[in-house]
């Protein structure tokens, strides 16, 4: 395998995290900018491939969207992230179950708080 520059990896990781193609300010040489952009393009292709066909999961007023996350051993994978709490789920089925549990607990909390509310 050919040696990949540090700047190329920086661009690839930026794309996988969802950042724009704008290079950081410390990258100034034309060669490094080209390496960064090449890495960003490669990372963006990989990100699109990972997210292809993945749909958000919605339950009541909660939603979990698929996001690309860094995994152990320098791999990247998809996790569903609850937009309200920031919890991550490994699959859409787990995300749905987690969101349903969260909605249920919020409803129970609402009932408990309503029972404690003083009447005037």
Foldseek 3Di string as FASTA:
>chain_A
DDDQDPLLCVLLVCLLQPHDLDGDPVDDDPVSNVSSNNSVVVNVVVNCVQCPPPAWDDDDPKIWGWGWDADPPRDIHIWTAIPPPRDTHRDSVVVNVVVVVVVVVVVVVVVVVVVVDDDD
